Amino acid sequence: MNYALRNTIILTVLLILVFVGFLLGNTSSVKKLDKIKLVYENNSKQLEELLAAHPDIKDHDRFIEALRDLEKKVKRESKLIPQQNDPTITYQYLLDICDNYCPDLKFNFVYNRLGKIEDLDYYTFTVTGSAPVRSFYSFIYQIERQYLLYVIESIKINEDVEEGVSNGSVRFTLILNAYFERTAPELDEIPFRKLKQKNIEYDPFYSRIHAPLPDEEQEGYLDVHSSGMIGLTPNKVFMKDKFGKIHILALGDKVAYGTLGAISWKEQFAVFQLNEIGVTKDKKIYLNELKEEPK
């Protein structure tokens, strides 16, 4: 066998081996791929069944976010029970609230008794005093919302009146429980919560409905009760007062105790929104209706 033939045979055998190896390797890869596809299909099917049985799982991220919000709220609004408390600590605590949030509130402080509920001990105090309504509201708000566990058992409030006239203040009596637990972990210095300032919207002792009150500033405007409408356009009304003076008014213009609220060109009348007694009422005046309507 010559040299060239021998080399040809060797190369042919090697090519056959490579080709066979390639086929075997490719077959193995195909089998592995088929196994992976089967596992994927099984996992997809199980996931679909799980989602069908528990549709809320789709909202996982929303639930996690809601849980975090709840944790923040608990941290923000939770109460702490100190290891110790006594009349001196509570009195200083109330003084600190007054100094920081309601300095014009004055109070007297009386110790009543020491009590116990299961593992919790508590002191009961009577707090009496006087303050402007908004300061008293801030005082109660801080006691209820700060970290330390204080419970207001009862509140009595009376309007503070001088010579039959309210001075905008109240006299109050609080029964206050100050809780502590001797086995509670010792707490470091507890700062005041930085609460958003919140004020009462209005004085509940001041009636917002009242008889008409004379007001020099309002008397400088047109009195619609003693005036009549002599002209009307879609955007303006022409009013004649009791002195014969003509007033031209557009929507929103000021009159005594109110404004011009609406104009009906089709039905030839105007509506004035008036607040003379603490409640806004509509007064309708027609064109050329010069007579005064009952107040």
Protein backbone atom coordinates (compact mmCIF):
# COMPACT_ATOMS: atom_id res chain seq x y z
CA MET A 1 0.00 0.00 0.00
CA ASN A 2 1.53 3.23 -1.11
CA TYR A 3 1.77 6.32 1.10
CA ALA A 4 -1.01 8.31 -0.59
CA LEU A 5 -3.56 5.50 -0.36
CA ARG A 6 -2.79 4.95 3.30
CA ASN A 7 -3.31 8.63 4.09
CA THR A 8 -6.58 8.64 2.16
CA ILE A 9 -7.89 5.66 4.14
CA ILE A 10 -6.90 7.26 7.46
CA LEU A 11 -8.57 10.56 6.59
CA THR A 12 -11.70 8.73 5.45
CA VAL A 13 -11.89 6.84 8.75
CA LEU A 14 -11.39 10.03 10.72
CA LEU A 15 -14.15 11.80 8.77
CA ILE A 16 -16.48 8.87 9.42
CA LEU A 17 -15.69 9.03 13.17
CA VAL A 18 -16.25 12.80 13.27
CA PHE A 19 -19.54 12.45 11.40
CA VAL A 20 -20.72 9.66 13.71
CA GLY A 21 -19.68 11.67 16.77
CA PHE A 22 -21.53 14.69 15.43
CA LEU A 23 -24.68 12.64 14.90
CA LEU A 24 -24.46 11.12 18.37
CA GLY A 25 -23.82 14.53 19.99
CA ASN A 26 -26.64 16.16 18.06
CA THR A 27 -29.02 13.36 19.05
CA SER A 28 -28.02 13.86 22.71
CA SER A 29 -28.58 17.64 22.46
CA VAL A 30 -31.98 17.09 20.89
CA LYS A 31 -32.95 14.74 23.72
CA LYS A 32 -31.77 17.27 26.32
CA LEU A 33 -33.71 20.03 24.56
CA ASP A 34 -36.81 17.84 24.49
CA LYS A 35 -36.44 17.23 28.25
CA ILE A 36 -36.06 20.98 28.89
CA LYS A 37 -39.16 21.70 26.80
CA LEU A 38 -41.10 19.07 28.71
CA VAL A 39 -40.03 20.51 32.08
CA TYR A 40 -40.96 24.02 30.85
CA GLU A 41 -44.36 22.86 29.67
CA ASN A 42 -45.02 21.09 32.99
CA ASN A 43 -43.94 24.13 34.98
CA SER A 44 -46.10 26.44 32.82
CA LYS A 45 -49.08 24.16 33.33
CA GLN A 46 -48.54 24.08 37.12
CA LEU A 47 -48.20 27.88 37.17
CA GLU A 48 -51.45 28.30 35.23
CA GLU A 49 -53.23 25.93 37.64
CA LEU A 50 -51.79 27.80 40.61
CA LEU A 51 -52.88 31.18 39.23
CA ALA A 52 -56.33 29.79 38.48
CA ALA A 53 -56.66 28.51 42.06
CA HIS A 54 -55.14 31.67 43.61
CA PRO A 55 -55.81 34.66 41.33
CA ASP A 56 -54.58 37.09 44.00
CA ILE A 57 -51.01 35.92 43.39
CA LYS A 58 -51.00 38.21 40.34
CA ASP A 59 -51.22 41.17 42.75
CA HIS A 60 -48.10 40.15 44.63
CA ASP A 61 -46.32 43.47 44.13
CA ARG A 62 -49.41 45.40 45.19
CA PHE A 63 -49.73 43.28 48.33
CA ILE A 64 -46.08 43.82 49.21
CA GLU A 65 -46.52 47.59 48.79
CA ALA A 66 -49.69 47.55 50.89
CA LEU A 67 -47.89 45.59 53.59
CA ARG A 68 -45.08 48.14 53.66
CA ASP A 69 -47.62 50.97 53.90
CA LEU A 70 -49.29 49.16 56.80
CA GLU A 71 -45.95 48.73 58.57
CA LYS A 72 -45.30 52.47 58.18
CA LYS A 73 -48.77 53.27 59.53
CA VAL A 74 -48.28 50.99 62.55
CA LYS A 75 -44.93 52.59 63.23
CA ARG A 76 -46.47 56.05 62.86
CA GLU A 77 -49.55 55.43 65.00
CA SER A 78 -48.46 52.78 67.50
CA LYS A 79 -48.28 53.49 71.22
CA LEU A 80 -45.37 52.76 73.56
CA ILE A 81 -45.77 51.55 77.14
CA PRO A 82 -42.95 52.82 79.38
CA GLN A 83 -41.34 50.76 82.11
CA GLN A 84 -42.21 53.37 84.70
CA ASN A 85 -44.50 56.33 85.18
CA ASP A 86 -45.52 58.50 88.12
CA PRO A 87 -47.29 61.82 88.81
CA THR A 88 -44.10 63.83 88.27
CA ILE A 89 -43.41 62.23 84.88
CA THR A 90 -46.99 62.72 83.68
CA TYR A 91 -47.16 66.32 84.93
CA GLN A 92 -43.93 67.16 83.08
CA TYR A 93 -45.21 65.39 79.97
CA LEU A 94 -48.37 67.53 79.92
CA LEU A 95 -46.30 70.66 80.50
CA ASP A 96 -44.11 69.75 77.50
CA ILE A 97 -47.21 69.34 75.32
CA CYS A 98 -48.45 72.77 76.39
CA ASP A 99 -45.06 74.42 75.83
CA ASN A 100 -44.75 72.98 72.32
CA TYR A 101 -48.32 73.03 70.99
CA CYS A 102 -50.72 75.07 73.15
CA PRO A 103 -48.88 77.55 75.38
CA ASP A 104 -52.07 79.45 76.27
CA LEU A 105 -53.65 76.39 77.94
CA LYS A 106 -53.58 76.49 81.75
CA PHE A 107 -54.34 73.43 83.87
CA ASN A 108 -54.43 72.02 87.39
CA PHE A 109 -53.25 68.48 88.02
CA VAL A 110 -54.52 66.13 90.76
CA TYR A 111 -53.42 62.55 91.47
CA ASN A 112 -56.35 60.16 92.07
CA ARG A 113 -55.18 56.57 92.44
CA LEU A 114 -52.92 53.73 91.30
CA GLY A 115 -54.70 50.86 89.51
CA LYS A 116 -53.89 47.65 87.64
CA ILE A 117 -55.32 45.78 84.63
CA GLU A 118 -53.70 42.35 84.24
CA ASP A 119 -49.97 43.11 83.74
CA LEU A 120 -50.49 46.83 83.20
CA ASP A 121 -50.27 49.35 86.00
CA TYR A 122 -51.74 52.82 85.63
CA TYR A 123 -52.15 56.09 87.47
CA THR A 124 -55.39 58.05 87.27
CA PHE A 125 -55.28 61.85 87.29
CA THR A 126 -57.82 64.65 87.08
CA VAL A 127 -56.78 67.54 84.85
CA THR A 128 -58.82 70.74 84.98
CA GLY A 129 -58.26 74.10 83.36
CA SER A 130 -59.25 76.58 80.68
CA ALA A 131 -58.06 77.37 77.17
CA PRO A 132 -59.18 78.78 73.83
CA VAL A 133 -61.13 76.15 71.93
CA ARG A 134 -58.42 75.57 69.33
CA SER A 135 -55.70 75.20 71.98
CA PHE A 136 -57.80 72.69 73.90
CA TYR A 137 -58.31 70.74 70.67
CA SER A 138 -54.52 70.68 70.08
CA PHE A 139 -53.96 69.51 73.67
CA ILE A 140 -56.31 66.53 73.24
CA TYR A 141 -54.94 65.77 69.77
CA GLN A 142 -51.37 65.55 71.06
CA ILE A 143 -52.30 63.32 74.03
CA GLU A 144 -54.11 60.93 71.69
CA ARG A 145 -51.49 60.85 68.90
CA GLN A 146 -48.13 60.95 70.65
CA TYR A 147 -46.09 57.79 71.40
CA LEU A 148 -46.79 57.26 75.10
CA LEU A 149 -49.90 55.35 76.13
CA TYR A 150 -52.24 57.81 77.84
CA VAL A 151 -55.98 57.16 77.79
CA ILE A 152 -58.59 59.88 78.32
CA GLU A 153 -61.37 58.17 80.26
CA SER A 154 -63.77 61.12 80.18
CA ILE A 155 -64.01 64.77 79.12
CA LYS A 156 -66.27 67.53 80.38
CA ILE A 157 -66.21 70.91 78.67
CA ASN A 158 -68.20 74.07 79.29
CA GLU A 159 -68.24 77.34 77.43
CA ASP A 160 -66.34 80.05 79.28
CA VAL A 161 -68.73 83.01 79.58
CA GLU A 162 -68.02 86.49 80.94
CA GLU A 163 -71.04 88.71 81.68
CA GLY A 164 -73.22 86.53 79.49
CA VAL A 165 -70.86 86.71 76.49
CA SER A 166 -68.62 83.91 75.26
CA ASN A 167 -64.92 84.78 75.31
CA GLY A 168 -63.94 81.98 72.90
CA SER A 169 -62.55 79.71 75.62
CA VAL A 170 -63.69 76.55 77.39
CA ARG A 171 -63.34 75.16 80.88
CA PHE A 172 -62.54 71.48 80.92
CA THR A 173 -62.15 68.46 83.19
CA LEU A 174 -60.26 65.36 82.04
CA ILE A 175 -59.89 61.97 83.70
CA LEU A 176 -56.55 60.70 82.41
CA ASN A 177 -54.94 57.26 82.80
CA ALA A 178 -51.16 56.95 82.49
CA TYR A 179 -50.12 53.33 81.80
CA PHE A 180 -46.82 51.60 82.47
CA GLU A 181 -45.52 48.02 82.65
CA ARG A 182 -42.75 47.12 85.06
CA THR A 183 -41.56 44.23 82.86
CA ALA A 184 -41.50 46.30 79.66
CA PRO A 185 -38.13 46.91 77.97
CA GLU A 186 -36.50 50.09 79.16
CA LEU A 187 -36.97 52.84 76.61
CA ASP A 188 -34.48 55.53 75.71
CA GLU A 189 -35.60 59.14 75.63
CA ILE A 190 -38.80 59.29 73.58
CA PRO A 191 -39.12 62.34 71.31
CA PHE A 192 -42.40 63.92 70.35
CA ARG A 193 -43.89 62.76 67.09
CA LYS A 194 -43.70 65.39 64.36
CA LEU A 195 -47.43 65.48 63.70
CA LYS A 196 -48.98 67.52 60.95
CA GLN A 197 -50.55 70.60 62.47
CA LYS A 198 -54.29 70.08 62.66
CA ASN A 199 -56.74 72.69 63.88
CA ILE A 200 -60.45 72.54 64.54
CA GLU A 201 -62.30 74.18 61.66
CA TYR A 202 -64.59 76.38 63.76
CA ASP A 203 -65.62 77.11 67.33
CA PRO A 204 -68.47 74.67 68.13
CA PHE A 205 -69.74 77.04 70.83
CA TYR A 206 -70.18 79.88 68.36
CA SER A 207 -73.47 79.66 66.50
CA ARG A 208 -72.95 80.06 62.78
CA ILE A 209 -76.68 80.74 62.31
CA HIS A 210 -77.72 84.06 63.80
CA ALA A 211 -80.04 87.00 63.40
CA PRO A 212 -78.97 89.59 60.82
CA LEU A 213 -76.09 91.63 62.25
CA PRO A 214 -75.43 95.24 61.24
CA ASP A 215 -72.21 95.59 59.30
CA GLU A 216 -70.96 99.02 58.23
CA GLU A 217 -68.80 97.54 55.48
CA GLN A 218 -71.75 95.63 53.97
CA GLU A 219 -73.98 98.71 54.14
CA GLY A 220 -71.70 100.32 51.56
CA TYR A 221 -72.90 97.86 48.91
CA LEU A 222 -76.24 97.64 47.08
CA ASP A 223 -79.13 96.45 49.27
CA VAL A 224 -81.03 94.12 46.94
CA HIS A 225 -84.00 93.93 49.32
CA SER A 226 -84.87 97.57 48.71
CA SER A 227 -83.80 97.70 45.05
CA GLY A 228 -85.38 96.66 41.77
CA MET A 229 -84.14 95.46 38.41
CA ILE A 230 -84.76 97.89 35.54
CA GLY A 231 -82.59 96.28 32.88
CA LEU A 232 -81.08 92.94 31.96
CA THR A 233 -78.61 91.48 29.43
CA PRO A 234 -77.18 87.94 29.25
CA ASN A 235 -74.13 89.13 31.22
CA LYS A 236 -75.24 92.12 33.29
CA VAL A 237 -78.13 93.45 35.36
CA PHE A 238 -79.14 97.05 35.97
CA MET A 239 -80.41 97.68 39.51
CA LYS A 240 -82.08 100.83 40.86
CA ASP A 241 -81.69 101.39 44.61
CA LYS A 242 -84.09 103.20 46.94
CA PHE A 243 -82.29 106.50 46.30
CA GLY A 244 -82.76 106.22 42.52
CA LYS A 245 -79.12 105.39 41.82
CA ILE A 246 -78.42 102.89 39.00
CA HIS A 247 -75.99 100.03 39.68
CA ILE A 248 -74.59 97.88 36.83
CA LEU A 249 -73.60 94.40 38.04
CA ALA A 250 -71.87 91.47 36.34
CA LEU A 251 -71.74 87.87 37.56
CA GLY A 252 -69.81 87.63 40.80
CA ASP A 253 -70.06 91.32 41.65
CA LYS A 254 -70.53 92.17 45.32
CA VAL A 255 -73.78 93.33 46.88
CA ALA A 256 -74.64 93.74 50.56
CA TYR A 257 -74.08 90.35 52.28
CA GLY A 258 -73.56 88.49 49.00
CA THR A 259 -72.92 88.44 45.27
CA LEU A 260 -74.74 88.23 41.95
CA GLY A 261 -74.83 84.48 41.39
CA ALA A 262 -76.71 83.87 38.12
CA ILE A 263 -78.59 85.57 35.26
CA SER A 264 -81.45 83.99 33.33
CA TRP A 265 -81.83 85.93 30.08
CA LYS A 266 -84.59 83.62 28.88
CA GLU A 267 -86.78 83.97 31.98
CA GLN A 268 -85.69 87.56 32.73
CA PHE A 269 -84.48 87.24 36.31
CA ALA A 270 -81.27 87.31 38.35
CA VAL A 271 -80.27 85.26 41.40
CA PHE A 272 -78.36 86.87 44.27
CA GLN A 273 -76.60 84.63 46.78
CA LEU A 274 -76.87 86.25 50.21
CA ASN A 275 -75.53 85.26 53.63
CA GLU A 276 -77.06 87.47 56.31
CA ILE A 277 -77.63 84.93 59.10
CA GLY A 278 -74.80 82.41 58.66
CA VAL A 279 -76.56 80.42 55.93
CA THR A 280 -76.34 81.22 52.21
CA LYS A 281 -79.75 81.71 50.57
CA ASP A 282 -80.75 82.55 47.00
CA LYS A 283 -82.87 85.64 46.30
CA LYS A 284 -84.48 85.81 42.86
CA ILE A 285 -85.42 89.21 41.38
CA TYR A 286 -87.33 89.56 38.10
CA LEU A 287 -87.01 92.39 35.61
CA ASN A 288 -89.21 95.39 36.55
CA GLU A 289 -90.16 93.79 39.87
CA LEU A 290 -89.61 96.87 41.99
CA LYS A 291 -91.35 95.69 45.13
CA GLU A 292 -89.26 94.42 48.00
CA GLU A 293 -89.51 90.71 48.75
CA PRO A 294 -89.82 89.55 52.36
CA LYS A 295 -86.43 89.02 53.96
